[in-house]
N, C-alpha and C. Protein backbone atom coordinates (compact mmCIF):
# COMPACT_ATOMS: atom_id res chain seq x y z
N MET A 1 -9.35 4.07 8.82
CA MET A 1 -8.40 3.43 7.87
C MET A 1 -7.16 4.15 7.45
N THR A 2 -6.23 4.12 7.56
CA THR A 2 -4.93 5.13 7.01
C THR A 2 -4.76 5.10 5.24
N ILE A 3 -4.66 5.68 4.95
CA ILE A 3 -4.05 5.33 3.23
C ILE A 3 -3.18 6.04 3.21
N ALA A 4 -2.07 5.25 2.73
CA ALA A 4 -1.00 5.69 2.56
C ALA A 4 -0.09 6.00 0.97
N VAL A 5 0.50 6.79 0.58
CA VAL A 5 0.66 6.62 -0.84
C VAL A 5 2.24 6.49 -0.76
N TYR A 6 3.08 5.57 -1.77
CA TYR A 6 4.21 5.37 -2.01
C TYR A 6 4.86 5.54 -3.48
N PRO A 7 5.11 6.78 -3.74
CA PRO A 7 5.60 7.45 -5.42
C PRO A 7 6.81 7.23 -5.65
N GLY A 8 6.78 6.99 -6.93
CA GLY A 8 8.25 6.48 -7.75
C GLY A 8 7.98 6.20 -8.97
N SER A 9 9.05 6.26 -9.73
CA SER A 9 8.93 5.79 -11.33
C SER A 9 9.03 4.13 -11.38
N PHE A 10 9.78 3.60 -10.28
CA PHE A 10 9.19 1.97 -10.58
C PHE A 10 9.72 1.44 -11.77
N ASP A 11 10.94 2.26 -12.15
CA ASP A 11 11.33 1.33 -13.48
C ASP A 11 12.34 0.64 -13.55
N PRO A 12 12.63 -0.65 -13.18
CA PRO A 12 11.22 -1.24 -12.82
C PRO A 12 11.25 -1.55 -11.36
N ILE A 13 10.28 -2.00 -10.78
CA ILE A 13 9.95 -2.30 -9.39
C ILE A 13 10.98 -3.43 -9.22
N THR A 14 11.55 -3.28 -7.79
CA THR A 14 12.42 -4.02 -7.28
C THR A 14 12.05 -4.78 -5.89
N ASN A 15 12.56 -5.94 -5.72
CA ASN A 15 12.42 -6.28 -4.40
C ASN A 15 12.82 -5.59 -2.94
N GLY A 16 13.40 -4.41 -3.52
CA GLY A 16 13.57 -3.23 -2.09
C GLY A 16 12.46 -2.48 -1.97
N HIS A 17 11.84 -2.45 -3.45
CA HIS A 17 10.64 -1.59 -3.55
C HIS A 17 9.46 -2.12 -2.42
N LEU A 18 9.35 -3.52 -3.17
CA LEU A 18 8.52 -4.60 -2.25
C LEU A 18 8.63 -4.73 -0.83
N ASP A 19 10.10 -4.86 -0.34
CA ASP A 19 10.25 -4.74 0.96
C ASP A 19 9.60 -3.55 1.82
N ILE A 20 10.07 -2.26 0.74
CA ILE A 20 8.72 -1.02 1.75
C ILE A 20 7.71 -1.19 1.56
N ALA A 21 6.97 -1.63 0.61
CA ALA A 21 5.48 -1.80 0.15
C ALA A 21 5.09 -2.52 1.00
N GLU A 22 5.80 -3.87 1.57
CA GLU A 22 5.28 -4.92 2.33
C GLU A 22 5.22 -4.13 3.87
N ARG A 23 5.92 -3.87 4.14
CA ARG A 23 6.25 -2.96 5.52
C ARG A 23 5.26 -1.87 5.77
N ALA A 24 5.33 -1.08 4.80
CA ALA A 24 4.23 -0.12 4.80
C ALA A 24 2.75 -0.27 5.09
N ALA A 25 2.38 -1.66 4.49
CA ALA A 25 1.07 -2.52 4.26
C ALA A 25 0.99 -2.79 5.76
N SER A 26 1.68 -3.14 6.40
CA SER A 26 2.03 -3.55 7.66
C SER A 26 1.45 -2.62 8.86
N LEU A 27 1.63 -1.25 8.29
CA LEU A 27 1.71 -0.03 9.22
C LEU A 27 0.38 0.89 8.83
N PHE A 28 -0.18 0.32 7.72
CA PHE A 28 -1.50 1.42 7.23
C PHE A 28 -2.49 0.50 6.44
N GLY A 29 -3.64 1.06 6.57
CA GLY A 29 -4.90 0.12 6.03
C GLY A 29 -4.70 0.11 5.08
N THR A 30 -4.22 0.87 3.81
CA THR A 30 -4.09 0.79 2.41
C THR A 30 -2.80 1.63 2.09
N VAL A 31 -2.08 0.90 0.80
CA VAL A 31 -0.79 1.47 0.51
C VAL A 31 -1.51 1.59 -1.01
N ILE A 32 -1.05 2.63 -1.45
CA ILE A 32 -0.94 2.75 -3.00
C ILE A 32 -0.03 2.83 -3.57
N ILE A 33 0.51 2.43 -4.40
CA ILE A 33 1.73 2.33 -5.08
C ILE A 33 1.76 3.29 -6.15
N ALA A 34 2.35 4.44 -6.21
CA ALA A 34 1.68 5.82 -7.36
C ALA A 34 2.84 5.64 -8.34
N VAL A 35 3.05 5.26 -9.47
CA VAL A 35 3.80 5.47 -10.59
C VAL A 35 3.56 6.63 -11.31
N TYR A 36 4.86 7.24 -11.24
CA TYR A 36 5.13 8.47 -11.66
C TYR A 36 4.69 8.35 -13.48
N ASP A 37 4.19 8.88 -14.00
CA ASP A 37 4.01 8.64 -15.33
C ASP A 37 5.04 9.31 -16.43
N ARG A 38 5.73 10.76 -15.95
CA ARG A 38 7.07 11.09 -17.02
C ARG A 38 7.87 11.62 -15.65
N PRO A 39 8.65 10.77 -15.32
CA PRO A 39 9.65 11.23 -14.19
C PRO A 39 10.91 12.04 -15.31
N ASP A 40 11.59 12.82 -14.65
CA ASP A 40 12.71 13.30 -15.41
C ASP A 40 14.07 12.18 -15.50
N LYS A 41 13.54 11.17 -16.07
CA LYS A 41 14.68 9.93 -16.31
C LYS A 41 14.25 9.31 -17.35
N ASN A 42 15.54 8.60 -17.67
CA ASN A 42 15.66 7.72 -18.99
C ASN A 42 15.00 6.69 -18.71
N LEU A 43 13.75 6.36 -18.90
CA LEU A 43 12.89 4.93 -18.50
C LEU A 43 12.95 3.99 -19.84
N LEU A 44 13.34 2.81 -19.34
CA LEU A 44 12.92 1.61 -20.05
C LEU A 44 11.53 1.36 -20.46
N PHE A 45 10.85 0.95 -19.31
CA PHE A 45 9.47 0.74 -19.60
C PHE A 45 8.45 1.83 -19.49
N ASN A 46 7.64 1.65 -20.71
CA ASN A 46 6.10 3.18 -20.55
C ASN A 46 5.65 2.66 -19.15
N VAL A 47 4.96 3.86 -18.70
CA VAL A 47 3.90 3.90 -17.77
C VAL A 47 3.00 2.65 -17.52
N GLU A 48 2.28 2.13 -18.85
CA GLU A 48 1.40 1.10 -18.48
C GLU A 48 2.10 -0.41 -17.81
N GLU A 49 3.39 -0.31 -18.89
CA GLU A 49 4.39 -1.66 -18.36
C GLU A 49 4.99 -1.43 -16.89
N ARG A 50 5.20 -0.63 -16.65
CA ARG A 50 5.38 -0.32 -15.32
C ARG A 50 4.69 -0.59 -13.86
N VAL A 51 2.96 0.18 -14.57
CA VAL A 51 2.11 -0.06 -13.29
C VAL A 51 1.59 -1.68 -13.61
N ALA A 52 1.90 -2.38 -14.81
CA ALA A 52 1.34 -3.88 -15.06
C ALA A 52 2.48 -4.65 -13.87
N LEU A 53 4.12 -4.30 -14.14
CA LEU A 53 4.88 -4.89 -13.55
C LEU A 53 4.72 -5.18 -12.00
N ALA A 54 4.12 -3.76 -11.48
CA ALA A 54 4.09 -3.30 -10.31
C ALA A 54 2.85 -4.12 -9.75
N THR A 55 1.67 -4.00 -10.38
CA THR A 55 0.56 -4.67 -9.92
C THR A 55 0.69 -5.96 -9.70
N ASP A 56 1.50 -6.80 -10.65
CA ASP A 56 1.56 -8.66 -10.76
C ASP A 56 2.59 -8.91 -9.59
N ALA A 57 3.80 -7.43 -8.98
CA ALA A 57 4.53 -8.04 -8.05
C ALA A 57 3.83 -7.70 -6.70
N VAL A 58 2.65 -7.15 -6.79
CA VAL A 58 2.03 -6.76 -5.35
C VAL A 58 0.70 -7.67 -4.97
N ALA A 59 0.58 -8.65 -6.06
CA ALA A 59 -0.52 -9.37 -6.07
C ALA A 59 -1.12 -10.08 -4.91
N GLY A 60 -0.18 -10.57 -3.86
CA GLY A 60 -0.36 -11.27 -3.02
C GLY A 60 -0.53 -10.21 -1.73
N MET A 61 -0.37 -9.19 -1.62
CA MET A 61 -0.85 -7.90 -0.83
C MET A 61 -2.00 -7.46 -1.08
N PRO A 62 -2.93 -8.13 -0.08
CA PRO A 62 -4.19 -7.51 -0.06
C PRO A 62 -4.91 -5.77 -0.01
N ASN A 63 -4.08 -5.18 0.65
CA ASN A 63 -4.15 -3.86 1.15
C ASN A 63 -3.04 -3.09 0.34
N VAL A 64 -2.79 -3.51 -0.82
CA VAL A 64 -1.59 -2.78 -1.77
C VAL A 64 -1.81 -2.65 -2.96
N SER A 65 -2.25 -1.40 -3.77
CA SER A 65 -2.77 -1.35 -4.83
C SER A 65 -1.66 -0.49 -5.86
N VAL A 66 -2.19 -0.26 -7.19
CA VAL A 66 -1.08 0.14 -7.94
C VAL A 66 -1.85 1.10 -8.85
N THR A 67 -1.26 2.28 -9.20
CA THR A 67 -2.07 3.20 -10.25
C THR A 67 -0.83 4.43 -10.33
N ALA A 68 -1.08 4.93 -11.80
CA ALA A 68 -0.35 5.94 -12.09
C ALA A 68 -0.72 7.13 -12.09
N PHE A 69 0.32 8.06 -11.89
CA PHE A 69 -0.15 9.49 -11.78
C PHE A 69 0.84 10.47 -12.50
N SER A 70 0.16 11.88 -12.51
CA SER A 70 1.01 12.90 -13.25
C SER A 70 0.69 13.70 -12.52
N GLY A 71 1.69 14.85 -12.57
CA GLY A 71 1.62 16.23 -11.77
C GLY A 71 2.61 16.03 -10.24
N LEU A 72 1.93 16.73 -9.50
CA LEU A 72 2.75 16.59 -8.44
C LEU A 72 2.19 15.58 -7.50
N VAL A 73 3.25 15.12 -6.83
CA VAL A 73 2.69 13.87 -5.96
C VAL A 73 1.59 14.60 -4.60
N VAL A 74 1.72 15.75 -4.12
CA VAL A 74 1.12 15.82 -3.01
C VAL A 74 -0.09 16.35 -3.86
N ASP A 75 -0.49 16.58 -5.08
CA ASP A 75 -1.69 16.77 -5.29
C ASP A 75 -2.53 15.61 -5.64
N PHE A 76 -1.25 14.58 -6.13
CA PHE A 76 -2.21 12.98 -6.32
C PHE A 76 -2.71 12.62 -4.99
N ILE A 77 -1.42 12.87 -4.03
CA ILE A 77 -2.00 12.32 -2.57
C ILE A 77 -3.20 12.37 -1.72
N ARG A 78 -3.54 14.01 -2.21
CA ARG A 78 -5.01 14.62 -1.83
C ARG A 78 -6.23 14.06 -2.60
N ARG A 79 -6.09 13.81 -3.67
CA ARG A 79 -6.79 13.19 -4.45
C ARG A 79 -7.34 11.86 -4.08
N MET A 80 -6.26 10.99 -3.39
CA MET A 80 -6.67 9.79 -2.84
C MET A 80 -6.98 9.74 -1.29
N LYS A 81 -7.43 10.91 -0.97
CA LYS A 81 -7.85 11.21 0.24
C LYS A 81 -6.93 10.42 1.37
N SER A 82 -5.71 10.98 1.17
CA SER A 82 -4.29 10.42 1.84
C SER A 82 -3.80 11.72 2.71
N GLY A 83 -3.17 11.27 3.85
CA GLY A 83 -2.23 12.32 3.93
C GLY A 83 -0.79 12.09 4.81
N VAL A 84 -0.77 10.88 4.02
CA VAL A 84 0.58 10.14 4.27
C VAL A 84 1.39 9.65 2.73
N MET A 85 2.59 10.17 2.97
CA MET A 85 3.54 9.51 2.00
C MET A 85 4.67 8.54 2.19
N ILE A 86 4.88 7.98 1.77
CA ILE A 86 5.97 6.53 1.96
C ILE A 86 6.81 6.94 0.86
N ARG A 87 8.11 7.11 1.46
CA ARG A 87 9.51 6.68 0.98
C ARG A 87 10.49 5.93 1.70
N GLY A 88 11.35 5.12 0.83
CA GLY A 88 12.53 4.52 0.88
C GLY A 88 13.51 4.62 1.14
N LEU A 89 14.33 4.79 2.26
CA LEU A 89 15.82 5.29 2.15
C LEU A 89 16.85 4.04 1.84
N ARG A 90 17.87 4.19 1.52
CA ARG A 90 19.15 3.17 1.41
C ARG A 90 20.14 3.58 1.99
N ALA A 91 20.59 5.12 1.66
CA ALA A 91 21.79 5.13 1.92
C ALA A 91 21.87 6.63 2.32
N ASN A 92 23.05 7.33 2.82
CA ASN A 92 23.06 8.96 2.86
C ASN A 92 22.67 9.57 1.61
N SER A 93 22.95 9.15 0.30
CA SER A 93 22.66 10.06 -0.79
C SER A 93 21.09 9.75 -0.96
N ASP A 94 20.73 8.86 -0.63
CA ASP A 94 19.09 8.88 -0.68
C ASP A 94 18.49 9.82 0.43
N PHE A 95 18.94 10.06 1.45
CA PHE A 95 18.70 11.18 2.62
C PHE A 95 18.66 12.21 1.99
N GLU A 96 19.68 12.56 1.65
CA GLU A 96 19.84 13.99 1.20
C GLU A 96 18.97 14.50 0.13
N ARG A 97 19.01 13.23 -1.09
CA ARG A 97 17.95 13.74 -1.99
C ARG A 97 16.35 13.74 -1.28
N GLU A 98 16.39 12.98 -0.27
CA GLU A 98 14.86 12.74 0.19
C GLU A 98 14.26 14.06 1.14
N PHE A 99 15.41 14.34 1.89
CA PHE A 99 15.08 15.53 2.63
C PHE A 99 15.04 16.83 1.89
N GLU A 100 15.73 17.06 0.65
CA GLU A 100 15.43 18.37 -0.06
C GLU A 100 13.85 17.99 -0.62
N MET A 101 13.79 16.95 -1.04
CA MET A 101 12.12 16.77 -1.87
C MET A 101 10.89 16.92 -0.51
N ALA A 102 11.21 16.27 0.70
CA ALA A 102 10.66 16.56 2.10
C ALA A 102 10.23 18.22 2.29
N LEU A 103 11.29 18.71 1.99
CA LEU A 103 11.01 20.20 2.42
C LEU A 103 10.30 20.81 1.52
N MET A 104 10.20 20.42 -0.01
CA MET A 104 9.45 20.95 -0.85
C MET A 104 8.14 20.88 -0.89
N ASN A 105 8.13 19.21 -0.48
CA ASN A 105 6.56 18.84 -0.70
C ASN A 105 5.79 19.25 0.85
N HIS A 106 6.81 19.73 1.87
CA HIS A 106 6.04 19.96 3.04
C HIS A 106 5.94 21.67 2.89
N LYS A 107 6.14 22.66 2.29
CA LYS A 107 6.18 23.88 1.69
C LYS A 107 4.66 24.11 0.75
N LEU A 108 4.78 22.69 -0.24
CA LEU A 108 3.59 22.75 -0.96
C LEU A 108 2.17 22.49 -0.29
N ALA A 109 2.72 21.27 0.70
CA ALA A 109 1.46 20.60 1.34
C ALA A 109 1.67 20.46 2.97
N PRO A 110 1.53 21.50 3.77
CA PRO A 110 2.31 20.92 4.99
C PRO A 110 1.23 20.26 5.90
N ASP A 111 0.16 19.28 5.52
CA ASP A 111 -0.69 18.68 5.94
C ASP A 111 -0.65 16.88 5.87
N ILE A 112 0.54 16.85 4.87
CA ILE A 112 0.91 15.64 4.21
C ILE A 112 2.30 15.09 5.38
N GLU A 113 1.79 13.75 5.66
CA GLU A 113 3.49 13.58 6.27
C GLU A 113 4.23 12.82 5.61
N LEU A 114 5.40 12.85 5.97
CA LEU A 114 6.21 11.81 5.24
C LEU A 114 6.75 10.90 6.31
N VAL A 115 6.51 9.54 5.44
CA VAL A 115 7.13 8.56 6.45
C VAL A 115 8.19 7.35 5.55
N CYS A 116 9.53 7.56 6.41
CA CYS A 116 10.62 7.01 5.85
C CYS A 116 10.84 5.65 6.25
N LEU A 117 10.96 4.70 5.64
CA LEU A 117 10.97 3.60 5.69
C LEU A 117 12.56 3.19 5.34
N MET A 118 13.51 2.94 6.24
CA MET A 118 14.75 2.20 6.05
C MET A 118 14.63 0.96 4.88
N THR A 119 15.37 0.46 4.14
CA THR A 119 15.45 -0.62 3.27
C THR A 119 15.76 -1.51 3.98
N SER A 120 15.46 -2.77 3.90
CA SER A 120 16.30 -3.96 4.74
C SER A 120 17.43 -4.07 4.24
N ALA A 121 18.79 -4.82 5.11
CA ALA A 121 19.71 -4.69 5.07
C ALA A 121 20.26 -5.17 3.47
N ARG A 122 19.58 -6.52 3.35
CA ARG A 122 19.90 -7.35 1.70
C ARG A 122 19.35 -6.77 0.71
N TYR A 123 18.84 -5.23 0.75
CA TYR A 123 18.20 -4.79 -0.29
C TYR A 123 19.15 -3.23 -0.72
N GLN A 124 20.07 -3.14 0.39
CA GLN A 124 20.56 -1.65 0.20
C GLN A 124 21.51 -1.86 -1.02
N PHE A 125 21.84 -2.47 -1.43
CA PHE A 125 22.76 -1.91 -2.78
C PHE A 125 21.72 -2.17 -4.03
N ILE A 126 20.54 -2.15 -4.13
CA ILE A 126 19.30 -2.64 -4.99
C ILE A 126 18.89 -1.11 -5.51
N SER A 127 19.09 -0.51 -6.75
CA SER A 127 18.36 0.04 -7.10
C SER A 127 18.17 -0.04 -8.67
N SER A 128 16.81 0.60 -9.12
CA SER A 128 16.63 0.32 -10.29
C SER A 128 17.52 0.22 -11.61
N SER A 129 18.33 1.48 -11.47
CA SER A 129 19.36 2.00 -12.17
C SER A 129 20.24 0.56 -12.55
N VAL A 130 20.78 0.09 -11.29
CA VAL A 130 21.42 -0.66 -11.00
C VAL A 130 20.82 -2.20 -11.72
N ILE A 131 19.77 -2.46 -11.23
CA ILE A 131 19.51 -3.45 -11.96
C ILE A 131 19.19 -3.62 -13.38
N LYS A 132 18.94 -2.45 -13.82
CA LYS A 132 18.79 -2.32 -15.30
C LYS A 132 20.12 -2.74 -16.23
N GLU A 133 21.25 -2.02 -15.22
CA GLU A 133 22.78 -2.27 -15.89
C GLU A 133 23.27 -3.68 -15.93
N VAL A 134 22.51 -4.64 -14.86
CA VAL A 134 22.75 -5.68 -14.65
C VAL A 134 22.03 -6.42 -15.97
N ALA A 135 20.74 -6.36 -15.80
CA ALA A 135 20.06 -6.84 -17.10
C ALA A 135 20.39 -6.44 -18.30
N ARG A 136 20.66 -5.37 -18.57
CA ARG A 136 21.46 -5.22 -19.75
C ARG A 136 22.56 -5.84 -20.33
N LEU A 137 23.65 -6.46 -19.28
CA LEU A 137 24.71 -6.99 -19.60
C LEU A 137 24.37 -8.53 -19.14
N GLY A 138 23.30 -8.89 -19.21
CA GLY A 138 23.31 -10.36 -19.18
C GLY A 138 23.30 -11.11 -17.70
N GLY A 139 23.43 -10.11 -16.78
CA GLY A 139 23.71 -10.68 -15.43
C GLY A 139 22.43 -11.55 -14.69
N CYS A 140 22.67 -12.29 -13.71
CA CYS A 140 21.75 -12.79 -12.82
C CYS A 140 20.76 -11.73 -12.19
N LEU A 141 19.39 -12.00 -11.77
CA LEU A 141 18.70 -10.77 -11.43
C LEU A 141 18.10 -11.84 -10.19
N ASP A 142 18.18 -13.06 -9.87
CA ASP A 142 17.99 -13.43 -8.75
C ASP A 142 17.85 -13.21 -7.37
N GLY A 143 16.87 -12.63 -6.58
CA GLY A 143 17.06 -12.24 -5.21
C GLY A 143 16.77 -10.73 -5.47
N MET A 144 16.57 -10.19 -6.41
CA MET A 144 16.49 -8.59 -6.87
C MET A 144 15.52 -8.18 -7.44
N VAL A 145 14.87 -8.98 -7.98
CA VAL A 145 13.64 -8.67 -8.50
C VAL A 145 12.58 -9.66 -8.77
N PRO A 146 11.43 -9.68 -8.83
CA PRO A 146 10.20 -10.83 -8.95
C PRO A 146 10.73 -11.23 -10.42
N GLN A 147 10.61 -12.67 -10.44
CA GLN A 147 10.81 -13.37 -11.50
C GLN A 147 10.44 -12.83 -13.22
N HIS A 148 8.97 -12.35 -12.95
CA HIS A 148 8.43 -11.76 -14.12
C HIS A 148 9.16 -10.40 -14.36
N VAL A 149 9.48 -9.38 -13.44
CA VAL A 149 10.29 -8.42 -14.17
C VAL A 149 11.49 -8.93 -14.43
N ALA A 150 12.01 -9.78 -13.87
CA ALA A 150 13.24 -10.55 -14.71
C ALA A 150 13.09 -10.70 -16.20
N THR A 151 12.22 -11.22 -16.28
CA THR A 151 11.54 -12.10 -17.68
C THR A 151 11.73 -10.46 -18.72
N ALA A 152 10.73 -9.62 -17.92
CA ALA A 152 10.63 -8.17 -18.79
C ALA A 152 11.60 -7.54 -19.02
N LEU A 153 12.68 -7.53 -18.10
CA LEU A 153 14.23 -6.78 -18.39
C LEU A 153 14.97 -7.61 -19.42
N LEU A 154 15.12 -8.68 -19.51
CA LEU A 154 15.87 -9.79 -20.11
C LEU A 154 15.02 -9.89 -21.53
N THR A 155 13.87 -9.55 -21.52
CA THR A 155 13.19 -9.14 -22.87
C THR A 155 13.44 -8.10 -23.51
N LYS A 156 13.25 -6.82 -22.81
CA LYS A 156 13.66 -5.82 -23.18
C LYS A 156 15.21 -5.57 -23.68
N TYR A 157 15.70 -6.45 -22.85
CA TYR A 157 17.48 -5.84 -23.66
C TYR A 157 17.80 -7.50 -24.25
N ALA A 158 16.86 -8.11 -24.98
CA ALA A 158 17.20 -9.54 -25.79
C ALA A 158 18.49 -9.13 -26.76
N ASP A 159 18.09 -8.11 -27.83
CA ASP A 159 18.76 -7.74 -28.70
C ASP A 159 19.97 -6.93 -28.27
N TYR A 160 20.31 -6.39 -27.24
CA TYR A 160 21.31 -6.10 -26.79
C TYR A 160 22.48 -6.94 -26.78
N ILE A 161 21.64 -7.98 -25.70
CA ILE A 161 22.69 -9.03 -25.07
C ILE A 161 23.32 -9.63 -26.06
N ARG A 162 22.32 -10.21 -27.12
CA ARG A 162 22.71 -11.04 -28.58
C ARG A 162 24.07 -10.20 -29.30
N ASP A 163 23.66 -8.89 -29.47
CA ASP A 163 25.16 -8.48 -30.14
C ASP A 163 25.78 -8.04 -29.25
N VAL A 164 26.43 -8.40 -28.02
CA VAL A 164 27.26 -7.95 -26.98
C VAL A 164 27.68 -9.76 -27.26
N GLU A 165 27.01 -10.47 -27.40
CA GLU A 165 27.90 -12.08 -27.04
C GLU A 165 28.35 -12.10 -28.44
N LYS A 166 27.83 -11.70 -29.77
CA LYS A 166 28.67 -12.10 -30.56
C LYS A 166 29.83 -11.01 -31.01
N ARG A 167 30.04 -10.25 -30.40
CA ARG A 167 30.94 -9.21 -30.30
C ARG A 167 31.99 -10.08 -29.55
N ALA A 168 31.95 -10.44 -28.39
CA ALA A 168 32.84 -11.17 -27.40
C ALA A 168 33.23 -12.27 -28.45
N ALA A 169 32.18 -12.98 -28.88
CA ALA A 169 32.41 -14.07 -29.40
C ALA A 169 33.74 -13.76 -30.84
N ARG A 170 33.23 -12.84 -31.59
CA ARG A 170 34.22 -12.46 -32.61
C ARG A 170 35.42 -12.01 -32.00
N GLN A 171 35.48 -11.32 -31.03
CA GLN A 171 36.81 -10.94 -30.35
C GLN A 171 37.61 -12.06 -29.85
N TYR A 172 36.82 -12.69 -29.04
CA TYR A 172 37.90 -14.02 -28.34
C TYR A 172 38.19 -14.97 -29.30
N ASN A 173 37.52 -15.28 -30.31
CA ASN A 173 37.34 -16.19 -31.18
C ASN A 173 38.38 -16.14 -32.44
N SER A 174 38.87 -14.59 -32.63
CA SER A 174 39.76 -14.31 -33.75
C SER A 174 40.98 -14.49 -33.15
N PRO A 175 42.07 -14.94 -33.98
CA PRO A 175 43.51 -15.38 -33.89
C PRO A 175 44.15 -13.72 -33.41
N ILE A 176 44.92 -14.07 -32.32
CA ILE A 176 45.80 -12.80 -31.86
C ILE A 176 46.78 -12.22 -32.82
N LYS A 177 46.88 -11.09 -33.25
CA LYS A 177 48.10 -10.93 -34.50
C LYS A 177 49.32 -10.51 -33.84
N GLY A 178 50.27 -10.73 -34.20
CA GLY A 178 51.30 -10.82 -33.97
C GLY A 178 52.10 -11.87 -33.31
N ALA A 179 51.32 -12.94 -33.17
CA ALA A 179 51.44 -14.18 -32.29
C ALA A 179 52.05 -15.04 -32.98
């Protein structure tokens, strides 16, 4: 039974991530979604929240599990007794970044194979960054993230959304000067 590791920040996990996880689960005996605890990114959710959101999202996938990791991903993959890393690709910009990381990971661990899966067309436009922006502005997240993730995002951004709505109400309900 081959174990594959799907690493990322998953801040938050999206339907695009789940598409990759589900497809990887059909190819490998076990898939471990590895949530990087300290990526060089502006995180909305802490590592415990990201693991919990991802765990809930993959509850219906019996051969997929979720865990946090720190340090080099190749070291984590070896600790998991795996030799396969899964990555999802959306567009050319993803390819360039993934290719750069693949070369470095191959230099560090030539025994670990990289398997890249193309994101399904319906998820090509989805990224965690875009999802967070839509949520922050109070937009609809239907079809882009699981419902529990949408709820968590809107809860995180609730204060910000209320402030924006109040400012908009004041701006549009105030009389126009000079009219």
